[in-house]
Amino acid sequence: MLTKVMNHMDESTKHAVDAASVFTAVGSILAWLPAIAALFTIVWTGIRIYETKTVQNWLVRRRNMATLKPFLVDEKETKKETKKEKPSEPEVFDAKAHREKIKAMEQDNASKE
């Protein structure tokens, strides 16, 4: 039925309908433009934020932590180990033994000369 109507239309009417369809298509595209522009704005802003020095420093630090993670010592493990170990007694300084070592060294140096 539509083809019969189209066949009986004159050319000026067909051009008017074509123009209306073009305007309808452009209008629908323009209705989408604000949403598309908003999407591109969000993406562009995200890219700009990603490129800032602050975010790049965070990412480098995060990558470094990920690569160093196997080498980092767990604090809980070190606390457990320190609890198990007995504290060593401080060394007592023996002044007499120290003087004897110095005299022996001086004698060795004198005999070499």
C-alpha atoms as a PDB file:
ATOM      1  CA  MET A   1       0.000   0.000   0.000  1.00  0.00           C
ATOM      2  CA  LEU A   2       2.852   2.378   0.847  1.00  0.00           C
ATOM      3  CA  THR A   3       4.476   1.737  -2.506  1.00  0.00           C
ATOM      4  CA  LYS A   4       1.235   2.655  -4.257  1.00  0.00           C
ATOM      5  CA  VAL A   5       1.151   5.939  -2.341  1.00  0.00           C
ATOM      6  CA  MET A   6       4.821   6.612  -3.156  1.00  0.00           C
ATOM      7  CA  ASN A   7       4.253   5.861  -6.841  1.00  0.00           C
ATOM      8  CA  HIS A   8       1.410   8.398  -7.068  1.00  0.00           C
ATOM      9  CA  MET A   9       3.300  11.204  -5.268  1.00  0.00           C
ATOM     10  CA  ASP A  10       4.845  13.955  -7.321  1.00  0.00           C
ATOM     11  CA  GLU A  11       8.580  14.666  -7.017  1.00  0.00           C
ATOM     12  CA  SER A  12       8.235  17.831  -4.931  1.00  0.00           C
ATOM     13  CA  THR A  13       6.299  15.921  -2.246  1.00  0.00           C
ATOM     14  CA  LYS A  14       8.930  13.161  -2.231  1.00  0.00           C
ATOM     15  CA  HIS A  15      11.656  15.785  -1.744  1.00  0.00           C
ATOM     16  CA  ALA A  16       9.705  17.349   1.120  1.00  0.00           C
ATOM     17  CA  VAL A  17       9.339  13.936   2.829  1.00  0.00           C
ATOM     18  CA  ASP A  18      13.062  13.241   2.254  1.00  0.00           C
ATOM     19  CA  ALA A  19      13.932  16.593   3.832  1.00  0.00           C
ATOM     20  CA  ALA A  20      11.688  15.835   6.786  1.00  0.00           C
ATOM     21  CA  SER A  21      13.400  12.476   7.274  1.00  0.00           C
ATOM     22  CA  VAL A  22      16.819  14.140   7.116  1.00  0.00           C
ATOM     23  CA  PHE A  23      15.758  16.742   9.689  1.00  0.00           C
ATOM     24  CA  THR A  24      14.351  13.954  11.866  1.00  0.00           C
ATOM     25  CA  ALA A  25      17.632  12.033  11.662  1.00  0.00           C
ATOM     26  CA  VAL A  26      19.683  15.129  12.444  1.00  0.00           C
ATOM     27  CA  GLY A  27      17.332  16.008  15.289  1.00  0.00           C
ATOM     28  CA  SER A  28      17.668  12.551  16.808  1.00  0.00           C
ATOM     29  CA  ILE A  29      21.445  12.760  16.479  1.00  0.00           C
ATOM     30  CA  LEU A  30      21.424  16.191  18.120  1.00  0.00           C
ATOM     31  CA  ALA A  31      19.346  14.814  20.951  1.00  0.00           C
ATOM     32  CA  TRP A  32      22.120  12.276  21.514  1.00  0.00           C
ATOM     33  CA  LEU A  33      24.866  14.876  21.319  1.00  0.00           C
ATOM     34  CA  PRO A  34      24.600  16.099  24.933  1.00  0.00           C
ATOM     35  CA  ALA A  35      24.883  12.553  26.244  1.00  0.00           C
ATOM     36  CA  ILE A  36      27.806  11.764  23.937  1.00  0.00           C
ATOM     37  CA  ALA A  37      29.498  15.050  24.851  1.00  0.00           C
ATOM     38  CA  ALA A  38      29.055  14.269  28.556  1.00  0.00           C
ATOM     39  CA  LEU A  39      30.548  10.790  28.058  1.00  0.00           C
ATOM     40  CA  PHE A  40      33.562  12.184  26.183  1.00  0.00           C
ATOM     41  CA  THR A  41      34.006  14.853  28.863  1.00  0.00           C
ATOM     42  CA  ILE A  42      34.043  12.221  31.607  1.00  0.00           C
ATOM     43  CA  VAL A  43      36.531  10.071  29.683  1.00  0.00           C
ATOM     44  CA  TRP A  44      38.761  13.087  28.900  1.00  0.00           C
ATOM     45  CA  THR A  45      38.736  14.253  32.528  1.00  0.00           C
ATOM     46  CA  GLY A  46      39.624  10.735  33.668  1.00  0.00           C
ATOM     47  CA  ILE A  47      42.561  10.650  31.242  1.00  0.00           C
ATOM     48  CA  ARG A  48      43.791  14.041  32.443  1.00  0.00           C
ATOM     49  CA  ILE A  49      43.581  12.971  36.080  1.00  0.00           C
ATOM     50  CA  TYR A  50      45.408   9.722  35.277  1.00  0.00           C
ATOM     51  CA  GLU A  51      48.223  11.702  33.641  1.00  0.00           C
ATOM     52  CA  THR A  52      48.856  13.954  36.655  1.00  0.00           C
ATOM     53  CA  LYS A  53      52.139  13.592  38.546  1.00  0.00           C
ATOM     54  CA  THR A  54      50.315  12.662  41.743  1.00  0.00           C
ATOM     55  CA  VAL A  55      48.510   9.686  40.225  1.00  0.00           C
ATOM     56  CA  GLN A  56      51.621   8.585  38.350  1.00  0.00           C
ATOM     57  CA  ASN A  57      53.620   8.669  41.614  1.00  0.00           C
ATOM     58  CA  TRP A  58      50.934   6.572  43.297  1.00  0.00           C
ATOM     59  CA  LEU A  59      51.074   4.043  40.487  1.00  0.00           C
ATOM     60  CA  VAL A  60      54.876   3.839  40.563  1.00  0.00           C
ATOM     61  CA  ARG A  61      54.810   3.378  44.322  1.00  0.00           C
ATOM     62  CA  ARG A  62      52.140   0.691  43.991  1.00  0.00           C
ATOM     63  CA  ARG A  63      54.138  -1.141  41.298  1.00  0.00           C
ATOM     64  CA  ASN A  64      57.281  -0.959  43.433  1.00  0.00           C
ATOM     65  CA  MET A  65      55.429  -2.336  46.446  1.00  0.00           C
ATOM     66  CA  ALA A  66      54.069  -5.200  44.336  1.00  0.00           C
ATOM     67  CA  THR A  67      57.551  -6.115  43.125  1.00  0.00           C
ATOM     68  CA  LEU A  68      59.074  -5.793  46.609  1.00  0.00           C
ATOM     69  CA  LYS A  69      56.289  -7.649  48.407  1.00  0.00           C
ATOM     70  CA  PRO A  70      58.092 -11.031  48.443  1.00  0.00           C
ATOM     71  CA  PHE A  71      61.115  -9.351  50.014  1.00  0.00           C
ATOM     72  CA  LEU A  72      59.269  -7.424  52.721  1.00  0.00           C
ATOM     73  CA  VAL A  73      59.320  -8.880  56.219  1.00  0.00           C
ATOM     74  CA  ASP A  74      56.036  -9.362  58.006  1.00  0.00           C
ATOM     75  CA  GLU A  75      55.955  -7.412  61.279  1.00  0.00           C
ATOM     76  CA  LYS A  76      54.019 -10.159  63.066  1.00  0.00           C
ATOM     77  CA  GLU A  77      56.719 -12.699  62.231  1.00  0.00           C
ATOM     78  CA  THR A  78      59.492 -10.448  63.521  1.00  0.00           C
ATOM     79  CA  LYS A  79      57.607  -9.847  66.771  1.00  0.00           C
ATOM     80  CA  LYS A  80      57.199 -13.595  67.257  1.00  0.00           C
ATOM     81  CA  GLU A  81      60.894 -14.164  66.589  1.00  0.00           C
ATOM     82  CA  THR A  82      61.998 -11.453  68.995  1.00  0.00           C
ATOM     83  CA  LYS A  83      59.806 -12.893  71.729  1.00  0.00           C
ATOM     84  CA  LYS A  84      61.430 -16.310  71.308  1.00  0.00           C
ATOM     85  CA  GLU A  85      64.986 -15.003  71.388  1.00  0.00           C
ATOM     86  CA  LYS A  86      66.600 -14.433  74.737  1.00  0.00           C
ATOM     87  CA  PRO A  87      68.252 -11.074  75.141  1.00  0.00           C
ATOM     88  CA  SER A  88      72.018 -11.334  75.021  1.00  0.00           C
ATOM     89  CA  GLU A  89      73.997 -10.035  77.948  1.00  0.00           C
ATOM     90  CA  PRO A  90      76.111  -6.966  77.279  1.00  0.00           C
ATOM     91  CA  GLU A  91      79.834  -7.540  76.884  1.00  0.00           C
ATOM     92  CA  VAL A  92      81.920  -6.486  79.817  1.00  0.00           C
ATOM     93  CA  PHE A  93      84.922  -4.342  78.938  1.00  0.00           C
ATOM     94  CA  ASP A  94      88.112  -5.725  80.434  1.00  0.00           C
ATOM     95  CA  ALA A  95      90.573  -2.845  80.619  1.00  0.00           C
ATOM     96  CA  LYS A  96      93.495  -5.006  81.726  1.00  0.00           C
ATOM     97  CA  ALA A  97      93.099  -7.422  78.813  1.00  0.00           C
ATOM     98  CA  HIS A  98      92.786  -4.473  76.442  1.00  0.00           C
ATOM     99  CA  ARG A  99      96.043  -2.919  77.672  1.00  0.00           C
ATOM    100  CA  GLU A 100      97.801  -6.267  77.243  1.00  0.00           C
ATOM    101  CA  LYS A 101      96.592  -6.540  73.636  1.00  0.00           C
ATOM    102  CA  ILE A 102      97.859  -3.039  72.887  1.00  0.00           C
ATOM    103  CA  LYS A 103     101.306  -3.804  74.392  1.00  0.00           C
ATOM    104  CA  ALA A 104     101.502  -7.024  72.344  1.00  0.00           C
ATOM    105  CA  MET A 105     100.641  -5.135  69.165  1.00  0.00           C
ATOM    106  CA  GLU A 106     103.256  -2.468  69.943  1.00  0.00           C
ATOM    107  CA  GLN A 107     105.882  -5.155  70.503  1.00  0.00           C
ATOM    108  CA  ASP A 108     105.004  -6.854  67.197  1.00  0.00           C
ATOM    109  CA  ASN A 109     105.308  -3.540  65.360  1.00  0.00           C
ATOM    110  CA  ALA A 110     108.656  -2.756  67.065  1.00  0.00           C
ATOM    111  CA  SER A 111     110.077  -6.178  66.161  1.00  0.00           C
ATOM    112  CA  LYS A 112     109.049  -5.769  62.498  1.00  0.00           C
ATOM    113  CA  GLU A 113     110.887  -2.489  62.201  1.00  0.00           C
END
